[in-house]
Amino acid sequence: MPAAGPMSAHRSGWTHCPGSSTQDAEPRAYPVATMPPPPSPSLRDGFPDPLSTIGGFAAGPDGDGAVRAASVLLDATTLDVLAGELVCLPAAGTGTSDTHASREQAALLAALEALPHAPDLALVHGHGIAHPQGMGIAARFGVAAGLPSIGVARSLLYGTGPEPHETRGAYTALRDPTRRQLGWLLRSRPGHPPLVVSPGHRVALASAADLVMRFTRGDRLPEPLRLADRLVRGGDPEESDGTKLRAPKT
């Protein structure tokens, strides 16, 4: 694996949406692809063991109907950042039938394509199967990309479950009204609300919570998602605590 070195917003490998804090970088814009109804996700483990890389993916609005999506690629053992991308999907034209879900999915797929290679496993900011339709953005993204994926959300959208113990890493089952299990309520950080963790695609229910905790440090979000979420919100690559996103030296 290449050696890692500091990467700033001005180096190759970064692309920015219009209106981001780095105005001298050229935005990379992607058209919306027609999104057919996805097939059902697989709830069996289909990721390599051991994992070599882990990805974090997050999407959000960029004003005036545009969507931005961030992707980061990390070493699965050291959590060093190998690459990071921020891409933009322009606002839909008048009269288009694009849904928010299809535009968010298209932006995430563009962010995946922009990475040097796909991760072995993707953590997606949003819901997997813990969704009223059984297919949240993490499931739709995983199926469309053919990529093992897990949905990690800050708030509950569907289902109920008991509050997990305050111990770091404790989790309880999340179930729908028929008592079918959808995922887990995971206490990733004591003193904070639990995360909602559910399989997206090619990840078993039994594996999802432990995988998320494997990549969680001191923050509530696992490290890949913490970084992707920071990028999509317009955060600076160098944080106030001195942490930098890192990428292979050029």
C-alpha atoms as a PDB file:
ATOM      1  CA  MET A   1       0.000   0.000   0.000  1.00  0.00           C
ATOM      2  CA  PRO A   2       1.392   3.446  -0.898  1.00  0.00           C
ATOM      3  CA  ALA A   3       2.792   5.639   1.819  1.00  0.00           C
ATOM      4  CA  ALA A   4       0.445   8.279   3.147  1.00  0.00           C
ATOM      5  CA  GLY A   5       1.058  12.011   3.111  1.00  0.00           C
ATOM      6  CA  PRO A   6      -0.978  15.121   3.858  1.00  0.00           C
ATOM      7  CA  MET A   7      -3.634  16.122   1.341  1.00  0.00           C
ATOM      8  CA  SER A   8      -5.197  19.571   1.203  1.00  0.00           C
ATOM      9  CA  ALA A   9      -8.215  20.856  -0.671  1.00  0.00           C
ATOM     10  CA  HIS A  10      -5.894  22.260  -3.359  1.00  0.00           C
ATOM     11  CA  ARG A  11      -4.226  19.004  -4.379  1.00  0.00           C
ATOM     12  CA  SER A  12      -5.330  16.630  -7.087  1.00  0.00           C
ATOM     13  CA  GLY A  13      -7.916  14.138  -5.952  1.00  0.00           C
ATOM     14  CA  TRP A  14     -10.305  16.771  -4.553  1.00  0.00           C
ATOM     15  CA  THR A  15     -13.247  18.122  -6.531  1.00  0.00           C
ATOM     16  CA  HIS A  16     -15.625  20.696  -5.114  1.00  0.00           C
ATOM     17  CA  CYS A  17     -19.224  21.687  -5.662  1.00  0.00           C
ATOM     18  CA  PRO A  18     -19.979  25.310  -6.557  1.00  0.00           C
ATOM     19  CA  GLY A  19     -20.281  27.393  -3.414  1.00  0.00           C
ATOM     20  CA  SER A  20     -17.852  25.314  -1.382  1.00  0.00           C
ATOM     21  CA  SER A  21     -15.111  26.949   0.656  1.00  0.00           C
ATOM     22  CA  THR A  22     -12.448  26.213  -1.982  1.00  0.00           C
ATOM     23  CA  GLN A  23     -13.371  28.344  -4.986  1.00  0.00           C
ATOM     24  CA  ASP A  24     -10.258  27.688  -7.067  1.00  0.00           C
ATOM     25  CA  ALA A  25     -11.025  23.994  -7.520  1.00  0.00           C
ATOM     26  CA  GLU A  26     -13.040  22.966 -10.549  1.00  0.00           C
ATOM     27  CA  PRO A  27     -16.398  21.401  -9.657  1.00  0.00           C
ATOM     28  CA  ARG A  28     -17.105  17.971 -11.031  1.00  0.00           C
ATOM     29  CA  ALA A  29     -20.769  17.689 -11.980  1.00  0.00           C
ATOM     30  CA  TYR A  30     -22.645  14.513 -12.854  1.00  0.00           C
ATOM     31  CA  PRO A  31     -26.019  14.113 -14.569  1.00  0.00           C
ATOM     32  CA  VAL A  32     -28.778  12.163 -12.875  1.00  0.00           C
ATOM     33  CA  ALA A  33     -29.017   8.612 -14.144  1.00  0.00           C
ATOM     34  CA  THR A  34     -32.389   6.935 -14.419  1.00  0.00           C
ATOM     35  CA  MET A  35     -32.682   4.774 -11.344  1.00  0.00           C
ATOM     36  CA  PRO A  36     -34.711   1.581 -11.903  1.00  0.00           C
ATOM     37  CA  PRO A  37     -36.318  -0.092  -8.896  1.00  0.00           C
ATOM     38  CA  PRO A  38     -33.459  -1.913  -7.141  1.00  0.00           C
ATOM     39  CA  PRO A  39     -33.554  -5.641  -6.434  1.00  0.00           C
ATOM     40  CA  SER A  40     -33.737  -6.803  -2.847  1.00  0.00           C
ATOM     41  CA  PRO A  41     -30.503  -6.516  -0.854  1.00  0.00           C
ATOM     42  CA  SER A  42     -28.579  -9.581   0.263  1.00  0.00           C
ATOM     43  CA  LEU A  43     -28.389 -10.037   4.032  1.00  0.00           C
ATOM     44  CA  ARG A  44     -25.512 -12.519   3.896  1.00  0.00           C
ATOM     45  CA  ASP A  45     -21.908 -11.530   4.510  1.00  0.00           C
ATOM     46  CA  GLY A  46     -20.245 -10.930   1.163  1.00  0.00           C
ATOM     47  CA  PHE A  47     -17.195  -8.870   2.117  1.00  0.00           C
ATOM     48  CA  PRO A  48     -13.562 -10.057   2.149  1.00  0.00           C
ATOM     49  CA  ASP A  49     -12.039 -11.266   5.394  1.00  0.00           C
ATOM     50  CA  PRO A  50      -9.792  -9.622   6.387  1.00  0.00           C
ATOM     51  CA  LEU A  51     -10.874  -6.222   5.114  1.00  0.00           C
ATOM     52  CA  SER A  52      -8.173  -4.137   3.427  1.00  0.00           C
ATOM     53  CA  THR A  53     -10.081  -0.894   2.936  1.00  0.00           C
ATOM     54  CA  ILE A  54     -13.177   0.743   4.376  1.00  0.00           C
ATOM     55  CA  GLY A  55     -15.196   3.537   2.776  1.00  0.00           C
ATOM     56  CA  GLY A  56     -17.350   6.316   4.187  1.00  0.00           C
ATOM     57  CA  PHE A  57     -20.118   7.936   2.119  1.00  0.00           C
ATOM     58  CA  ALA A  58     -22.429  10.847   2.876  1.00  0.00           C
ATOM     59  CA  ALA A  59     -24.715  13.058   0.779  1.00  0.00           C
ATOM     60  CA  GLY A  60     -26.551  16.292   1.441  1.00  0.00           C
ATOM     61  CA  PRO A  61     -28.165  19.333  -0.194  1.00  0.00           C
ATOM     62  CA  ASP A  62     -25.976  22.005  -1.744  1.00  0.00           C
ATOM     63  CA  GLY A  63     -28.573  24.749  -2.198  1.00  0.00           C
ATOM     64  CA  ASP A  64     -30.960  25.470  -5.073  1.00  0.00           C
ATOM     65  CA  GLY A  65     -31.726  21.781  -5.537  1.00  0.00           C
ATOM     66  CA  ALA A  66     -28.145  20.594  -6.049  1.00  0.00           C
ATOM     67  CA  VAL A  67     -26.810  17.566  -4.177  1.00  0.00           C
ATOM     68  CA  ARG A  68     -23.250  17.020  -2.978  1.00  0.00           C
ATOM     69  CA  ALA A  69     -21.736  13.707  -1.944  1.00  0.00           C
ATOM     70  CA  ALA A  70     -18.472  12.872  -0.217  1.00  0.00           C
ATOM     71  CA  SER A  71     -16.479   9.661  -0.234  1.00  0.00           C
ATOM     72  CA  VAL A  72     -13.403   8.701   1.759  1.00  0.00           C
ATOM     73  CA  LEU A  73     -11.242   5.602   1.467  1.00  0.00           C
ATOM     74  CA  LEU A  74      -9.370   4.422   4.567  1.00  0.00           C
ATOM     75  CA  ASP A  75      -6.961   1.645   5.403  1.00  0.00           C
ATOM     76  CA  ALA A  76      -9.106  -0.815   7.354  1.00  0.00           C
ATOM     77  CA  THR A  77      -6.343  -1.566   9.869  1.00  0.00           C
ATOM     78  CA  THR A  78      -4.754   1.822  10.575  1.00  0.00           C
ATOM     79  CA  LEU A  79      -7.672   4.059   9.521  1.00  0.00           C
ATOM     80  CA  ASP A  80      -5.221   6.224   7.585  1.00  0.00           C
ATOM     81  CA  VAL A  81      -7.085   8.078   4.830  1.00  0.00           C
ATOM     82  CA  LEU A  82      -6.006   6.987   1.367  1.00  0.00           C
ATOM     83  CA  ALA A  83      -8.302   9.195  -0.731  1.00  0.00           C
ATOM     84  CA  GLY A  84     -11.222  11.575  -0.478  1.00  0.00           C
ATOM     85  CA  GLU A  85     -13.629  13.073  -3.004  1.00  0.00           C
ATOM     86  CA  LEU A  86     -16.420  15.641  -2.994  1.00  0.00           C
ATOM     87  CA  VAL A  87     -18.705  15.662  -6.045  1.00  0.00           C
ATOM     88  CA  CYS A  88     -21.722  17.693  -7.075  1.00  0.00           C
ATOM     89  CA  LEU A  89     -24.974  16.833  -8.804  1.00  0.00           C
ATOM     90  CA  PRO A  90     -26.578  19.970 -10.281  1.00  0.00           C
ATOM     91  CA  ALA A  91     -30.193  20.877  -9.628  1.00  0.00           C
ATOM     92  CA  ALA A  92     -32.788  18.917 -11.580  1.00  0.00           C
ATOM     93  CA  GLY A  93     -34.300  20.682 -14.558  1.00  0.00           C
ATOM     94  CA  THR A  94     -37.886  21.856 -14.650  1.00  0.00           C
ATOM     95  CA  GLY A  95     -40.329  19.065 -15.356  1.00  0.00           C
ATOM     96  CA  THR A  96     -38.015  16.211 -14.378  1.00  0.00           C
ATOM     97  CA  SER A  97     -39.344  13.337 -12.318  1.00  0.00           C
ATOM     98  CA  ASP A  98     -36.132  12.738 -10.354  1.00  0.00           C
ATOM     99  CA  THR A  99     -36.834  11.944  -6.716  1.00  0.00           C
ATOM    100  CA  HIS A 100     -34.638  13.046  -3.837  1.00  0.00           C
ATOM    101  CA  ALA A 101     -33.662   9.400  -3.267  1.00  0.00           C
ATOM    102  CA  SER A 102     -32.607   8.877  -6.894  1.00  0.00           C
ATOM    103  CA  ARG A 103     -30.554  12.083  -6.929  1.00  0.00           C
ATOM    104  CA  GLU A 104     -28.874  11.231  -3.637  1.00  0.00           C
ATOM    105  CA  GLN A 105     -28.084   7.756  -4.949  1.00  0.00           C
ATOM    106  CA  ALA A 106     -26.661   9.152  -8.197  1.00  0.00           C
ATOM    107  CA  ALA A 107     -24.432  11.545  -6.252  1.00  0.00           C
ATOM    108  CA  LEU A 108     -23.140   8.768  -3.989  1.00  0.00           C
ATOM    109  CA  LEU A 109     -22.398   6.543  -6.987  1.00  0.00           C
ATOM    110  CA  ALA A 110     -20.464   9.413  -8.576  1.00  0.00           C
ATOM    111  CA  ALA A 111     -18.477   9.865  -5.363  1.00  0.00           C
ATOM    112  CA  LEU A 112     -17.681   6.138  -5.382  1.00  0.00           C
ATOM    113  CA  GLU A 113     -16.582   6.282  -9.019  1.00  0.00           C
ATOM    114  CA  ALA A 114     -14.272   9.200  -8.221  1.00  0.00           C
ATOM    115  CA  LEU A 115     -12.230   7.131  -5.743  1.00  0.00           C
ATOM    116  CA  PRO A 116      -9.126   5.326  -7.035  1.00  0.00           C
ATOM    117  CA  HIS A 117     -10.836   2.026  -6.265  1.00  0.00           C
ATOM    118  CA  ALA A 118     -13.888   0.764  -4.422  1.00  0.00           C
ATOM    119  CA  PRO A 119     -13.608  -0.105  -0.721  1.00  0.00           C
ATOM    120  CA  ASP A 120     -14.113  -3.627   0.570  1.00  0.00           C
ATOM    121  CA  LEU A 121     -16.987  -2.330   2.715  1.00  0.00           C
ATOM    122  CA  ALA A 122     -18.974   0.921   2.623  1.00  0.00           C
ATOM    123  CA  LEU A 123     -20.425   2.719   5.637  1.00  0.00           C
ATOM    124  CA  VAL A 124     -23.199   4.996   4.389  1.00  0.00           C
ATOM    125  CA  HIS A 125     -24.705   7.891   6.328  1.00  0.00           C
ATOM    126  CA  GLY A 126     -28.369   6.882   6.285  1.00  0.00           C
ATOM    127  CA  HIS A 127     -30.527   3.818   6.682  1.00  0.00           C
ATOM    128  CA  GLY A 128     -30.129   0.345   5.239  1.00  0.00           C
ATOM    129  CA  ILE A 129     -33.084  -2.015   5.647  1.00  0.00           C
ATOM    130  CA  ALA A 130     -34.315  -0.099   8.731  1.00  0.00           C
ATOM    131  CA  HIS A 131     -36.639   1.870   6.482  1.00  0.00           C
ATOM    132  CA  PRO A 132     -40.425   1.851   5.910  1.00  0.00           C
ATOM    133  CA  GLN A 133     -39.843   0.504   2.384  1.00  0.00           C
ATOM    134  CA  GLY A 134     -37.060  -1.844   3.479  1.00  0.00           C
ATOM    135  CA  MET A 135     -34.612  -0.014   1.191  1.00  0.00           C
ATOM    136  CA  GLY A 136     -32.987   3.096   2.616  1.00  0.00           C
ATOM    137  CA  ILE A 137     -30.161   4.918   0.845  1.00  0.00           C
ATOM    138  CA  ALA A 138     -27.473   2.554   2.192  1.00  0.00           C
ATOM    139  CA  ALA A 139     -29.321  -0.441   0.749  1.00  0.00           C
ATOM    140  CA  ARG A 140     -30.076   1.261  -2.571  1.00  0.00           C
ATOM    141  CA  PHE A 141     -26.469   2.396  -2.913  1.00  0.00           C
ATOM    142  CA  GLY A 142     -25.048  -1.015  -2.000  1.00  0.00           C
ATOM    143  CA  VAL A 143     -27.276  -2.881  -4.437  1.00  0.00           C
ATOM    144  CA  ALA A 144     -26.633  -0.411  -7.274  1.00  0.00           C
ATOM    145  CA  ALA A 145     -22.862  -0.551  -6.730  1.00  0.00           C
ATOM    146  CA  GLY A 146     -22.734  -4.269  -5.938  1.00  0.00           C
ATOM    147  CA  LEU A 147     -20.854  -3.254  -2.806  1.00  0.00           C
ATOM    148  CA  PRO A 148     -21.134  -4.564   0.780  1.00  0.00           C
ATOM    149  CA  SER A 149     -22.718  -1.709   2.712  1.00  0.00           C
ATOM    150  CA  ILE A 150     -24.061  -0.765   6.141  1.00  0.00           C
ATOM    151  CA  GLY A 151     -26.421   2.080   6.953  1.00  0.00           C
ATOM    152  CA  VAL A 152     -25.475   4.236   9.945  1.00  0.00           C
ATOM    153  CA  ALA A 153     -27.956   6.935  10.977  1.00  0.00           C
ATOM    154  CA  ARG A 154     -28.088   9.374  13.865  1.00  0.00           C
ATOM    155  CA  SER A 155     -31.856   9.147  14.301  1.00  0.00           C
ATOM    156  CA  LEU A 156     -34.536   6.482  14.119  1.00  0.00           C
ATOM    157  CA  LEU A 157     -36.789   6.434  11.055  1.00  0.00           C
ATOM    158  CA  TYR A 158     -38.629   3.138  11.429  1.00  0.00           C
ATOM    159  CA  GLY A 159     -38.953   0.400  14.039  1.00  0.00           C
ATOM    160  CA  THR A 160     -38.573   0.264  17.797  1.00  0.00           C
ATOM    161  CA  GLY A 161     -36.099  -1.187  20.253  1.00  0.00           C
ATOM    162  CA  PRO A 162     -35.008  -0.921  23.879  1.00  0.00           C
ATOM    163  CA  GLU A 163     -32.407   1.655  24.827  1.00  0.00           C
ATOM    164  CA  PRO A 164     -28.949   0.011  24.893  1.00  0.00           C
ATOM    165  CA  HIS A 165     -26.783   0.048  28.010  1.00  0.00           C
ATOM    166  CA  GLU A 166     -24.530   3.086  28.449  1.00  0.00           C
ATOM    167  CA  THR A 167     -21.440   0.905  27.952  1.00  0.00           C
ATOM    168  CA  ARG A 168     -19.526   1.738  24.778  1.00  0.00           C
ATOM    169  CA  GLY A 169     -20.338  -0.836  22.107  1.00  0.00           C
ATOM    170  CA  ALA A 170     -23.585  -2.047  23.702  1.00  0.00           C
ATOM    171  CA  TYR A 171     -26.448  -2.646  21.280  1.00  0.00           C
ATOM    172  CA  THR A 172     -30.048  -3.848  21.236  1.00  0.00           C
ATOM    173  CA  ALA A 173     -32.239  -5.208  18.448  1.00  0.00           C
ATOM    174  CA  LEU A 174     -34.340  -2.857  16.331  1.00  0.00           C
ATOM    175  CA  ARG A 175     -37.590  -4.455  15.121  1.00  0.00           C
ATOM    176  CA  ASP A 176     -40.532  -3.562  12.905  1.00  0.00           C
ATOM    177  CA  PRO A 177     -44.185  -3.828  14.069  1.00  0.00           C
ATOM    178  CA  THR A 178     -44.234  -7.549  13.158  1.00  0.00           C
ATOM    179  CA  ARG A 179     -41.138  -8.111  15.363  1.00  0.00           C
ATOM    180  CA  ARG A 180     -38.903  -8.781  12.363  1.00  0.00           C
ATOM    181  CA  GLN A 181     -35.410  -7.528  13.108  1.00  0.00           C
ATOM    182  CA  LEU A 182     -34.219  -4.567  11.050  1.00  0.00           C
ATOM    183  CA  GLY A 183     -30.911  -3.732  12.681  1.00  0.00           C
ATOM    184  CA  TRP A 184     -29.415  -2.452  15.919  1.00  0.00           C
ATOM    185  CA  LEU A 185     -29.432   0.513  18.262  1.00  0.00           C
ATOM    186  CA  LEU A 186     -25.711   0.942  18.960  1.00  0.00           C
ATOM    187  CA  ARG A 187     -24.154   2.922  21.817  1.00  0.00           C
ATOM    188  CA  SER A 188     -21.019   4.033  20.016  1.00  0.00           C
ATOM    189  CA  ARG A 189     -20.240   6.747  22.559  1.00  0.00           C
ATOM    190  CA  PRO A 190     -21.421   6.767  26.194  1.00  0.00           C
ATOM    191  CA  GLY A 191     -23.584   9.724  27.106  1.00  0.00           C
ATOM    192  CA  HIS A 192     -24.831  10.156  23.540  1.00  0.00           C
ATOM    193  CA  PRO A 193     -27.917   8.774  21.757  1.00  0.00           C
ATOM    194  CA  PRO A 194     -27.421   5.413  20.055  1.00  0.00           C
ATOM    195  CA  LEU A 195     -26.758   5.113  16.352  1.00  0.00           C
ATOM    196  CA  VAL A 196     -29.225   3.258  14.136  1.00  0.00           C
ATOM    197  CA  VAL A 197     -27.244   0.538  12.350  1.00  0.00           C
ATOM    198  CA  SER A 198     -28.754  -1.709   9.685  1.00  0.00           C
ATOM    199  CA  PRO A 199     -27.397  -3.829   6.833  1.00  0.00           C
ATOM    200  CA  GLY A 200     -27.493  -2.269   3.401  1.00  0.00           C
ATOM    201  CA  HIS A 201     -26.296  -5.049   1.101  1.00  0.00           C
ATOM    202  CA  ARG A 202     -24.094  -8.160   1.419  1.00  0.00           C
ATOM    203  CA  VAL A 203     -23.800  -7.755   5.193  1.00  0.00           C
ATOM    204  CA  ALA A 204     -25.582  -9.976   7.718  1.00  0.00           C
ATOM    205  CA  LEU A 205     -27.576  -8.561  10.614  1.00  0.00           C
ATOM    206  CA  ALA A 206     -25.285 -10.367  13.044  1.00  0.00           C
ATOM    207  CA  SER A 207     -22.199  -8.621  11.623  1.00  0.00           C
ATOM    208  CA  ALA A 208     -23.366  -5.025  11.204  1.00  0.00           C
ATOM    209  CA  ALA A 209     -22.984  -3.540  14.703  1.00  0.00           C
ATOM    210  CA  ASP A 210     -19.592  -5.105  15.403  1.00  0.00           C
ATOM    211  CA  LEU A 211     -18.269  -3.892  12.047  1.00  0.00           C
ATOM    212  CA  VAL A 212     -19.348  -0.325  12.800  1.00  0.00           C
ATOM    213  CA  MET A 213     -17.673  -0.430  16.219  1.00  0.00           C
ATOM    214  CA  ARG A 214     -14.461  -1.771  14.675  1.00  0.00           C
ATOM    215  CA  PHE A 215     -14.019   1.541  12.864  1.00  0.00           C
ATOM    216  CA  THR A 216     -15.188   3.847  15.663  1.00  0.00           C
ATOM    217  CA  ARG A 217     -12.708   5.870  17.715  1.00  0.00           C
ATOM    218  CA  GLY A 218     -13.748   8.557  20.205  1.00  0.00           C
ATOM    219  CA  ASP A 219     -16.498  10.117  18.112  1.00  0.00           C
ATOM    220  CA  ARG A 220     -20.114   9.015  17.953  1.00  0.00           C
ATOM    221  CA  LEU A 221     -19.791   8.245  14.235  1.00  0.00           C
ATOM    222  CA  PRO A 222     -17.344   5.644  12.912  1.00  0.00           C
ATOM    223  CA  GLU A 223     -14.226   7.288  11.505  1.00  0.00           C
ATOM    224  CA  PRO A 224     -15.017   6.841   7.775  1.00  0.00           C
ATOM    225  CA  LEU A 225     -18.427   8.460   8.243  1.00  0.00           C
ATOM    226  CA  ARG A 226     -17.122  11.191  10.512  1.00  0.00           C
ATOM    227  CA  LEU A 227     -14.749  12.302   7.761  1.00  0.00           C
ATOM    228  CA  ALA A 228     -17.263  11.932   4.914  1.00  0.00           C
ATOM    229  CA  ASP A 229     -19.892  13.814   6.898  1.00  0.00           C
ATOM    230  CA  ARG A 230     -17.418  16.614   7.607  1.00  0.00           C
ATOM    231  CA  LEU A 231     -16.587  16.933   3.908  1.00  0.00           C
ATOM    232  CA  VAL A 232     -20.180  16.999   2.730  1.00  0.00           C
ATOM    233  CA  ARG A 233     -20.959  19.719   5.284  1.00  0.00           C
ATOM    234  CA  GLY A 234     -18.160  21.877   3.927  1.00  0.00           C
ATOM    235  CA  GLY A 235     -15.615  21.227   6.652  1.00  0.00           C
ATOM    236  CA  ASP A 236     -11.957  22.019   6.161  1.00  0.00           C
ATOM    237  CA  PRO A 237      -9.655  19.033   5.500  1.00  0.00           C
ATOM    238  CA  GLU A 238      -7.553  20.107   8.478  1.00  0.00           C
ATOM    239  CA  GLU A 239      -9.558  20.087  11.684  1.00  0.00           C
ATOM    240  CA  SER A 240      -9.146  22.252  14.769  1.00  0.00           C
ATOM    241  CA  ASP A 241      -7.419  19.424  16.611  1.00  0.00           C
ATOM    242  CA  GLY A 242      -4.759  19.180  13.884  1.00  0.00           C
ATOM    243  CA  THR A 243      -6.102  15.975  12.311  1.00  0.00           C
ATOM    244  CA  LYS A 244      -5.580  15.951   8.552  1.00  0.00           C
ATOM    245  CA  LEU A 245      -7.054  13.853   5.821  1.00  0.00           C
ATOM    246  CA  ARG A 246      -4.220  11.941   4.263  1.00  0.00           C
ATOM    247  CA  ALA A 247      -3.686  10.452   0.826  1.00  0.00           C
ATOM    248  CA  PRO A 248      -0.895   8.715  -1.115  1.00  0.00           C
ATOM    249  CA  LYS A 249       2.007  11.025  -1.909  1.00  0.00           C
ATOM    250  CA  THR A 250       2.305  12.131  -5.512  1.00  0.00           C
END
